[in-house]
């Protein structure tokens, strides 16, 4: 399965935010699903009606609607109500502005996912890794190298750097094939958001040859720094995505 790409430029800098971190954001998604079938200009149900239908308080419904207004999907007109905007008539499946793990992304695209751990090591941060994580060059990190396969086909080659002190203890006794964000959350480092840069790139030659990936291209490189609610940078990820199989959807609006 291929996710069509709507990227309009070769390089993009984006702030990614989680879509399901709290009740208001979950309700935003639920209300958005309820808007299917409406066309731009159609009026939304009232807060009271949505509250009764969904079974949530009006204050939370109001927060969720405000999120839809901020996204440009809903327009509020004082004294008249809320209406589906022109942008709201568009649907962007799996937008790049939603934070999700690689495993979640591939599963939501319909793939049967296998995560292969190629290497886990204690290392010194490179200049790039140190800058992304806010560390001094040469600071102690864990470097995790994994290959994500969908239906037994290599789809994402990923290198994660994590400050060593965020995950204490020996590396040999952890299951590194699972979610790194969940491991961090267990240690009190919950990822809330991330900043990402997307470029076209080649897979590093040493990795390509070592893991027999030389003939697979093109690649989209997603360099992503994951951040906790306190602003702590806990992961710097370099994820090489098979450009022939994976793309990222972007909804763009002209600023006023």
C-alpha atoms as a PDB file:
ATOM      1  CA  UNK A   1       0.000   0.000   0.000  1.00  0.00           C
ATOM      2  CA  UNK A   2       1.324   3.431  -0.898  1.00  0.00           C
ATOM      3  CA  UNK A   3       0.423   6.679   0.794  1.00  0.00           C
ATOM      4  CA  UNK A   4       0.276   9.404  -1.819  1.00  0.00           C
ATOM      5  CA  UNK A   5       2.590  12.312  -1.179  1.00  0.00           C
ATOM      6  CA  UNK A   6       1.419  15.909  -1.191  1.00  0.00           C
ATOM      7  CA  UNK A   7       4.769  17.447  -0.303  1.00  0.00           C
ATOM      8  CA  UNK A   8       5.296  20.567  -2.324  1.00  0.00           C
ATOM      9  CA  UNK A   9       8.979  21.156  -1.556  1.00  0.00           C
ATOM     10  CA  UNK A  10      12.034  18.986  -1.159  1.00  0.00           C
ATOM     11  CA  UNK A  11      12.805  20.205   2.357  1.00  0.00           C
ATOM     12  CA  UNK A  12      10.259  20.961   5.061  1.00  0.00           C
ATOM     13  CA  UNK A  13      10.606  22.028   8.690  1.00  0.00           C
ATOM     14  CA  UNK A  14       7.542  21.106  10.701  1.00  0.00           C
ATOM     15  CA  UNK A  15       6.477  21.054  14.320  1.00  0.00           C
ATOM     16  CA  UNK A  16       4.619  17.836  14.912  1.00  0.00           C
ATOM     17  CA  UNK A  17       2.123  17.622  17.725  1.00  0.00           C
ATOM     18  CA  UNK A  18       0.362  14.564  19.109  1.00  0.00           C
ATOM     19  CA  UNK A  19      -3.281  14.251  18.106  1.00  0.00           C
ATOM     20  CA  UNK A  20      -4.587  12.141  20.967  1.00  0.00           C
ATOM     21  CA  UNK A  21      -2.888  13.394  24.121  1.00  0.00           C
ATOM     22  CA  UNK A  22      -5.993  14.637  25.903  1.00  0.00           C
ATOM     23  CA  UNK A  23      -9.759  14.496  25.857  1.00  0.00           C
ATOM     24  CA  UNK A  24     -10.281  17.650  23.791  1.00  0.00           C
ATOM     25  CA  UNK A  25      -8.008  16.369  21.038  1.00  0.00           C
ATOM     26  CA  UNK A  26      -9.691  12.970  20.986  1.00  0.00           C
ATOM     27  CA  UNK A  27     -13.074  14.692  20.734  1.00  0.00           C
ATOM     28  CA  UNK A  28     -11.754  16.891  17.934  1.00  0.00           C
ATOM     29  CA  UNK A  29     -11.079  13.742  15.920  1.00  0.00           C
ATOM     30  CA  UNK A  30     -14.502  12.340  16.776  1.00  0.00           C
ATOM     31  CA  UNK A  31     -16.272  15.545  15.740  1.00  0.00           C
ATOM     32  CA  UNK A  32     -14.203  15.613  12.553  1.00  0.00           C
ATOM     33  CA  UNK A  33     -15.479  12.151  11.655  1.00  0.00           C
ATOM     34  CA  UNK A  34     -19.031  13.374  12.248  1.00  0.00           C
ATOM     35  CA  UNK A  35     -18.503  16.087   9.626  1.00  0.00           C
ATOM     36  CA  UNK A  36     -18.214  13.545   6.807  1.00  0.00           C
ATOM     37  CA  UNK A  37     -20.974  14.269   4.326  1.00  0.00           C
ATOM     38  CA  UNK A  38     -21.084  17.995   5.048  1.00  0.00           C
ATOM     39  CA  UNK A  39     -19.976  20.508   2.445  1.00  0.00           C
ATOM     40  CA  UNK A  40     -18.333  23.904   3.001  1.00  0.00           C
ATOM     41  CA  UNK A  41     -20.882  26.335   4.413  1.00  0.00           C
ATOM     42  CA  UNK A  42     -22.944  23.684   6.208  1.00  0.00           C
ATOM     43  CA  UNK A  43     -23.677  24.468   9.838  1.00  0.00           C
ATOM     44  CA  UNK A  44     -22.377  22.230  12.600  1.00  0.00           C
ATOM     45  CA  UNK A  45     -24.624  20.931  15.380  1.00  0.00           C
ATOM     46  CA  UNK A  46     -24.745  23.118  18.476  1.00  0.00           C
ATOM     47  CA  UNK A  47     -22.459  22.541  21.452  1.00  0.00           C
ATOM     48  CA  UNK A  48     -25.456  21.180  23.352  1.00  0.00           C
ATOM     49  CA  UNK A  49     -26.339  18.736  20.580  1.00  0.00           C
ATOM     50  CA  UNK A  50     -22.734  17.543  20.255  1.00  0.00           C
ATOM     51  CA  UNK A  51     -22.538  17.167  24.035  1.00  0.00           C
ATOM     52  CA  UNK A  52     -25.630  14.957  24.043  1.00  0.00           C
ATOM     53  CA  UNK A  53     -24.516  12.928  21.022  1.00  0.00           C
ATOM     54  CA  UNK A  54     -20.942  12.308  22.157  1.00  0.00           C
ATOM     55  CA  UNK A  55     -21.606  12.179  25.889  1.00  0.00           C
ATOM     56  CA  UNK A  56     -19.059  14.786  26.933  1.00  0.00           C
ATOM     57  CA  UNK A  57     -19.337  18.067  28.798  1.00  0.00           C
ATOM     58  CA  UNK A  58     -19.970  21.253  26.855  1.00  0.00           C
ATOM     59  CA  UNK A  59     -16.723  22.753  28.107  1.00  0.00           C
ATOM     60  CA  UNK A  60     -14.689  19.918  26.561  1.00  0.00           C
ATOM     61  CA  UNK A  61     -16.793  20.085  23.379  1.00  0.00           C
ATOM     62  CA  UNK A  62     -16.034  23.806  23.212  1.00  0.00           C
ATOM     63  CA  UNK A  63     -12.300  23.098  23.541  1.00  0.00           C
ATOM     64  CA  UNK A  64     -12.478  20.505  20.762  1.00  0.00           C
ATOM     65  CA  UNK A  65     -14.339  22.915  18.480  1.00  0.00           C
ATOM     66  CA  UNK A  66     -11.741  25.581  19.207  1.00  0.00           C
ATOM     67  CA  UNK A  67      -9.055  23.160  18.011  1.00  0.00           C
ATOM     68  CA  UNK A  68     -10.995  22.690  14.771  1.00  0.00           C
ATOM     69  CA  UNK A  69     -11.208  26.471  14.420  1.00  0.00           C
ATOM     70  CA  UNK A  70      -7.458  26.748  14.957  1.00  0.00           C
ATOM     71  CA  UNK A  71      -6.942  24.128  12.249  1.00  0.00           C
ATOM     72  CA  UNK A  72      -9.066  26.213   9.876  1.00  0.00           C
ATOM     73  CA  UNK A  73     -11.603  23.408   9.476  1.00  0.00           C
ATOM     74  CA  UNK A  74     -14.439  25.222  11.231  1.00  0.00           C
ATOM     75  CA  UNK A  75     -15.418  28.894  11.043  1.00  0.00           C
ATOM     76  CA  UNK A  76     -17.281  30.495  13.965  1.00  0.00           C
ATOM     77  CA  UNK A  77     -19.672  33.370  13.222  1.00  0.00           C
ATOM     78  CA  UNK A  78     -20.848  35.243  16.299  1.00  0.00           C
ATOM     79  CA  UNK A  79     -24.568  34.932  16.849  1.00  0.00           C
ATOM     80  CA  UNK A  80     -24.992  32.344  14.082  1.00  0.00           C
ATOM     81  CA  UNK A  81     -22.934  29.307  15.002  1.00  0.00           C
ATOM     82  CA  UNK A  82     -20.106  27.276  13.526  1.00  0.00           C
ATOM     83  CA  UNK A  83     -19.781  26.292   9.895  1.00  0.00           C
ATOM     84  CA  UNK A  84     -17.603  23.958   7.861  1.00  0.00           C
ATOM     85  CA  UNK A  85     -14.949  26.024   6.096  1.00  0.00           C
ATOM     86  CA  UNK A  86     -13.606  25.570   2.580  1.00  0.00           C
ATOM     87  CA  UNK A  87     -10.547  23.878   4.087  1.00  0.00           C
ATOM     88  CA  UNK A  88     -12.861  21.645   6.110  1.00  0.00           C
ATOM     89  CA  UNK A  89     -14.199  20.244   2.858  1.00  0.00           C
ATOM     90  CA  UNK A  90     -10.782  18.708   2.223  1.00  0.00           C
ATOM     91  CA  UNK A  91      -9.595  15.541   3.904  1.00  0.00           C
ATOM     92  CA  UNK A  92      -5.923  14.834   4.505  1.00  0.00           C
ATOM     93  CA  UNK A  93      -5.401  11.246   5.591  1.00  0.00           C
ATOM     94  CA  UNK A  94      -2.559  10.696   8.089  1.00  0.00           C
ATOM     95  CA  UNK A  95      -1.301  14.308   7.969  1.00  0.00           C
ATOM     96  CA  UNK A  96       2.377  14.795   8.710  1.00  0.00           C
ATOM     97  CA  UNK A  97       1.479  17.206  11.523  1.00  0.00           C
ATOM     98  CA  UNK A  98       0.227  14.318  13.674  1.00  0.00           C
ATOM     99  CA  UNK A  99       2.860  12.688  15.861  1.00  0.00           C
ATOM    100  CA  UNK A 100       2.874   8.907  15.674  1.00  0.00           C
ATOM    101  CA  UNK A 101       5.498   6.221  15.988  1.00  0.00           C
ATOM    102  CA  UNK A 102       6.875   4.482  12.907  1.00  0.00           C
ATOM    103  CA  UNK A 103       5.155   1.255  13.942  1.00  0.00           C
ATOM    104  CA  UNK A 104       1.821   3.064  14.327  1.00  0.00           C
ATOM    105  CA  UNK A 105       2.257   4.751  10.948  1.00  0.00           C
ATOM    106  CA  UNK A 106       2.965   1.496   9.114  1.00  0.00           C
ATOM    107  CA  UNK A 107       0.173  -0.391  10.867  1.00  0.00           C
ATOM    108  CA  UNK A 108      -2.293   2.379  10.043  1.00  0.00           C
ATOM    109  CA  UNK A 109      -1.231   2.083   6.408  1.00  0.00           C
ATOM    110  CA  UNK A 110      -2.250  -1.572   6.504  1.00  0.00           C
ATOM    111  CA  UNK A 111       1.144  -3.235   6.778  1.00  0.00           C
ATOM    112  CA  UNK A 112       2.027  -6.235   8.908  1.00  0.00           C
ATOM    113  CA  UNK A 113       4.976  -4.738  10.767  1.00  0.00           C
ATOM    114  CA  UNK A 114       8.212  -6.407  11.848  1.00  0.00           C
ATOM    115  CA  UNK A 115      10.872  -4.436  13.732  1.00  0.00           C
ATOM    116  CA  UNK A 116      14.418  -5.752  13.401  1.00  0.00           C
ATOM    117  CA  UNK A 117      17.063  -4.543  15.859  1.00  0.00           C
ATOM    118  CA  UNK A 118      20.306  -4.245  13.899  1.00  0.00           C
ATOM    119  CA  UNK A 119      22.463  -2.627  16.574  1.00  0.00           C
ATOM    120  CA  UNK A 120      22.291  -1.094  20.044  1.00  0.00           C
ATOM    121  CA  UNK A 121      25.378   0.557  21.469  1.00  0.00           C
ATOM    122  CA  UNK A 122      26.653   3.101  23.958  1.00  0.00           C
ATOM    123  CA  UNK A 123      28.386   5.853  22.025  1.00  0.00           C
ATOM    124  CA  UNK A 124      29.542   9.450  22.005  1.00  0.00           C
ATOM    125  CA  UNK A 125      27.147  11.936  20.450  1.00  0.00           C
ATOM    126  CA  UNK A 126      28.150  13.297  17.071  1.00  0.00           C
ATOM    127  CA  UNK A 127      27.936  17.044  16.504  1.00  0.00           C
ATOM    128  CA  UNK A 128      24.571  16.626  14.776  1.00  0.00           C
ATOM    129  CA  UNK A 129      23.164  14.399  17.525  1.00  0.00           C
ATOM    130  CA  UNK A 130      24.520  16.638  20.285  1.00  0.00           C
ATOM    131  CA  UNK A 131      23.045  19.774  18.726  1.00  0.00           C
ATOM    132  CA  UNK A 132      19.636  18.126  18.246  1.00  0.00           C
ATOM    133  CA  UNK A 133      19.533  16.813  21.818  1.00  0.00           C
ATOM    134  CA  UNK A 134      21.021  19.899  23.450  1.00  0.00           C
ATOM    135  CA  UNK A 135      24.094  17.985  24.637  1.00  0.00           C
ATOM    136  CA  UNK A 136      27.797  18.688  24.558  1.00  0.00           C
ATOM    137  CA  UNK A 137      29.619  17.038  21.635  1.00  0.00           C
ATOM    138  CA  UNK A 138      30.858  13.644  22.742  1.00  0.00           C
ATOM    139  CA  UNK A 139      28.231  13.284  25.484  1.00  0.00           C
ATOM    140  CA  UNK A 140      27.150   9.741  26.307  1.00  0.00           C
ATOM    141  CA  UNK A 141      24.200   8.461  24.290  1.00  0.00           C
ATOM    142  CA  UNK A 142      22.517   5.221  23.323  1.00  0.00           C
ATOM    143  CA  UNK A 143      22.392   4.658  19.577  1.00  0.00           C
ATOM    144  CA  UNK A 144      19.707   2.284  18.337  1.00  0.00           C
ATOM    145  CA  UNK A 145      19.641   1.075  14.728  1.00  0.00           C
ATOM    146  CA  UNK A 146      16.508  -0.685  13.483  1.00  0.00           C
ATOM    147  CA  UNK A 147      14.922  -1.783  10.234  1.00  0.00           C
ATOM    148  CA  UNK A 148      11.142  -1.534  10.011  1.00  0.00           C
ATOM    149  CA  UNK A 149       9.567  -3.983   7.580  1.00  0.00           C
ATOM    150  CA  UNK A 150       6.030  -4.017   6.250  1.00  0.00           C
ATOM    151  CA  UNK A 151       4.802  -7.347   4.894  1.00  0.00           C
ATOM    152  CA  UNK A 152       8.458  -8.482   5.063  1.00  0.00           C
ATOM    153  CA  UNK A 153       9.633  -5.618   2.824  1.00  0.00           C
ATOM    154  CA  UNK A 154      12.149  -3.066   4.204  1.00  0.00           C
ATOM    155  CA  UNK A 155      10.327   0.260   4.531  1.00  0.00           C
ATOM    156  CA  UNK A 156      12.065   2.379   7.174  1.00  0.00           C
ATOM    157  CA  UNK A 157      15.708   2.339   8.248  1.00  0.00           C
ATOM    158  CA  UNK A 158      15.993   4.232  11.521  1.00  0.00           C
ATOM    159  CA  UNK A 159      18.819   5.468  13.734  1.00  0.00           C
ATOM    160  CA  UNK A 160      17.757   6.759  17.165  1.00  0.00           C
ATOM    161  CA  UNK A 161      20.021   8.632  19.572  1.00  0.00           C
ATOM    162  CA  UNK A 162      18.946   8.916  23.224  1.00  0.00           C
ATOM    163  CA  UNK A 163      20.806  10.683  26.064  1.00  0.00           C
ATOM    164  CA  UNK A 164      22.346   7.878  28.105  1.00  0.00           C
ATOM    165  CA  UNK A 165      21.095   9.102  31.471  1.00  0.00           C
ATOM    166  CA  UNK A 166      17.451   8.990  30.355  1.00  0.00           C
ATOM    167  CA  UNK A 167      17.589   5.180  30.151  1.00  0.00           C
ATOM    168  CA  UNK A 168      19.754   3.913  33.013  1.00  0.00           C
ATOM    169  CA  UNK A 169      20.887   0.326  33.361  1.00  0.00           C
ATOM    170  CA  UNK A 170      22.425  -2.227  31.004  1.00  0.00           C
ATOM    171  CA  UNK A 171      21.235  -2.351  27.408  1.00  0.00           C
ATOM    172  CA  UNK A 172      21.319  -6.135  27.114  1.00  0.00           C
ATOM    173  CA  UNK A 173      18.117  -6.765  29.050  1.00  0.00           C
ATOM    174  CA  UNK A 174      15.671  -4.560  27.186  1.00  0.00           C
ATOM    175  CA  UNK A 175      13.435  -5.436  24.262  1.00  0.00           C
ATOM    176  CA  UNK A 176      14.537  -2.797  21.766  1.00  0.00           C
ATOM    177  CA  UNK A 177      12.189  -4.068  19.046  1.00  0.00           C
ATOM    178  CA  UNK A 178       9.213  -2.343  20.663  1.00  0.00           C
ATOM    179  CA  UNK A 179       8.259   1.300  21.039  1.00  0.00           C
ATOM    180  CA  UNK A 180      11.132   3.514  22.166  1.00  0.00           C
ATOM    181  CA  UNK A 181       8.682   6.220  23.242  1.00  0.00           C
ATOM    182  CA  UNK A 182       6.938   3.731  25.543  1.00  0.00           C
ATOM    183  CA  UNK A 183      10.267   2.727  27.090  1.00  0.00           C
ATOM    184  CA  UNK A 184      10.996   6.395  27.756  1.00  0.00           C
ATOM    185  CA  UNK A 185       7.508   6.956  29.153  1.00  0.00           C
ATOM    186  CA  UNK A 186       8.098   4.097  31.614  1.00  0.00           C
ATOM    187  CA  UNK A 187      11.098   6.087  32.861  1.00  0.00           C
ATOM    188  CA  UNK A 188       9.055   9.278  33.216  1.00  0.00           C
ATOM    189  CA  UNK A 189      10.003  10.821  29.870  1.00  0.00           C
ATOM    190  CA  UNK A 190       6.767  11.074  27.912  1.00  0.00           C
ATOM    191  CA  UNK A 191       7.090  12.419  24.382  1.00  0.00           C
ATOM    192  CA  UNK A 192       4.538  15.170  23.788  1.00  0.00           C
ATOM    193  CA  UNK A 193       5.684  16.694  20.515  1.00  0.00           C
ATOM    194  CA  UNK A 194       8.499  16.769  18.023  1.00  0.00           C
ATOM    195  CA  UNK A 195      10.212  18.961  15.487  1.00  0.00           C
ATOM    196  CA  UNK A 196      11.030  17.336  12.164  1.00  0.00           C
ATOM    197  CA  UNK A 197      12.868  18.101   8.959  1.00  0.00           C
ATOM    198  CA  UNK A 198      12.084  16.124   5.797  1.00  0.00           C
ATOM    199  CA  UNK A 199      14.522  15.868   2.895  1.00  0.00           C
ATOM    200  CA  UNK A 200      15.327  13.609  -0.016  1.00  0.00           C
ATOM    201  CA  UNK A 201      18.466  11.633   0.874  1.00  0.00           C
ATOM    202  CA  UNK A 202      20.541   8.571   0.140  1.00  0.00           C
ATOM    203  CA  UNK A 203      20.925   5.841   2.707  1.00  0.00           C
ATOM    204  CA  UNK A 204      24.424   6.121   4.230  1.00  0.00           C
ATOM    205  CA  UNK A 205      26.712   3.879   2.212  1.00  0.00           C
ATOM    206  CA  UNK A 206      28.160   1.959   5.146  1.00  0.00           C
ATOM    207  CA  UNK A 207      24.703   1.029   6.420  1.00  0.00           C
ATOM    208  CA  UNK A 208      23.400   0.257   2.928  1.00  0.00           C
ATOM    209  CA  UNK A 209      26.198  -2.220   2.260  1.00  0.00           C
ATOM    210  CA  UNK A 210      26.317  -3.686   5.748  1.00  0.00           C
ATOM    211  CA  UNK A 211      22.609  -4.495   5.834  1.00  0.00           C
ATOM    212  CA  UNK A 212      22.142  -5.316   2.131  1.00  0.00           C
ATOM    213  CA  UNK A 213      19.948  -2.293   1.380  1.00  0.00           C
ATOM    214  CA  UNK A 214      21.967  -0.827  -1.498  1.00  0.00           C
ATOM    215  CA  UNK A 215      19.373  -1.436  -4.210  1.00  0.00           C
ATOM    216  CA  UNK A 216      16.486   0.197  -2.383  1.00  0.00           C
ATOM    217  CA  UNK A 217      15.747   3.830  -3.251  1.00  0.00           C
ATOM    218  CA  UNK A 218      14.634   6.620  -3.275  1.00  0.00           C
ATOM    219  CA  UNK A 219      14.577   7.524   0.416  1.00  0.00           C
ATOM    220  CA  UNK A 220      12.899  10.321   2.363  1.00  0.00           C
ATOM    221  CA  UNK A 221      14.920  11.258   5.433  1.00  0.00           C
ATOM    222  CA  UNK A 222      12.907  12.422   8.443  1.00  0.00           C
ATOM    223  CA  UNK A 223      15.190  13.955  11.080  1.00  0.00           C
ATOM    224  CA  UNK A 224      13.110  14.357  14.202  1.00  0.00           C
ATOM    225  CA  UNK A 225      13.752  15.613  17.723  1.00  0.00           C
ATOM    226  CA  UNK A 226      11.219  14.373  20.277  1.00  0.00           C
ATOM    227  CA  UNK A 227      10.389  16.583  23.251  1.00  0.00           C
ATOM    228  CA  UNK A 228       8.734  16.048  26.646  1.00  0.00           C
ATOM    229  CA  UNK A 229       6.120  18.436  28.127  1.00  0.00           C
ATOM    230  CA  UNK A 230       8.958  19.949  30.183  1.00  0.00           C
ATOM    231  CA  UNK A 231      10.903  20.743  27.015  1.00  0.00           C
ATOM    232  CA  UNK A 232      13.513  18.011  27.463  1.00  0.00           C
ATOM    233  CA  UNK A 233      14.867  16.552  24.226  1.00  0.00           C
ATOM    234  CA  UNK A 234      14.893  12.776  24.609  1.00  0.00           C
ATOM    235  CA  UNK A 235      15.195  11.298  21.094  1.00  0.00           C
ATOM    236  CA  UNK A 236      16.929  12.381  17.931  1.00  0.00           C
ATOM    237  CA  UNK A 237      15.768  10.106  15.151  1.00  0.00           C
ATOM    238  CA  UNK A 238      17.036   9.795  11.595  1.00  0.00           C
ATOM    239  CA  UNK A 239      14.435   7.747   9.748  1.00  0.00           C
ATOM    240  CA  UNK A 240      14.980   6.818   6.108  1.00  0.00           C
ATOM    241  CA  UNK A 241      11.588   6.055   4.530  1.00  0.00           C
ATOM    242  CA  UNK A 242      11.207   4.209   1.229  1.00  0.00           C
ATOM    243  CA  UNK A 243       9.989   6.973  -1.060  1.00  0.00           C
ATOM    244  CA  UNK A 244       8.460   4.466  -3.466  1.00  0.00           C
ATOM    245  CA  UNK A 245       6.125   3.207  -0.732  1.00  0.00           C
ATOM    246  CA  UNK A 246       5.665   6.001   1.818  1.00  0.00           C
ATOM    247  CA  UNK A 247       4.761   9.658   1.439  1.00  0.00           C
ATOM    248  CA  UNK A 248       3.515  12.440   3.699  1.00  0.00           C
ATOM    249  CA  UNK A 249       0.339  14.462   3.236  1.00  0.00           C
ATOM    250  CA  UNK A 250       0.382  18.195   3.899  1.00  0.00           C
ATOM    251  CA  UNK A 251      -2.524  20.635   3.886  1.00  0.00           C
ATOM    252  CA  UNK A 252      -1.289  24.151   3.085  1.00  0.00           C
ATOM    253  CA  UNK A 253      -3.192  27.401   3.624  1.00  0.00           C
ATOM    254  CA  UNK A 254      -2.312  30.906   2.518  1.00  0.00           C
ATOM    255  CA  UNK A 255      -1.598  33.166   5.503  1.00  0.00           C
ATOM    256  CA  UNK A 256      -3.471  36.455   5.758  1.00  0.00           C
END
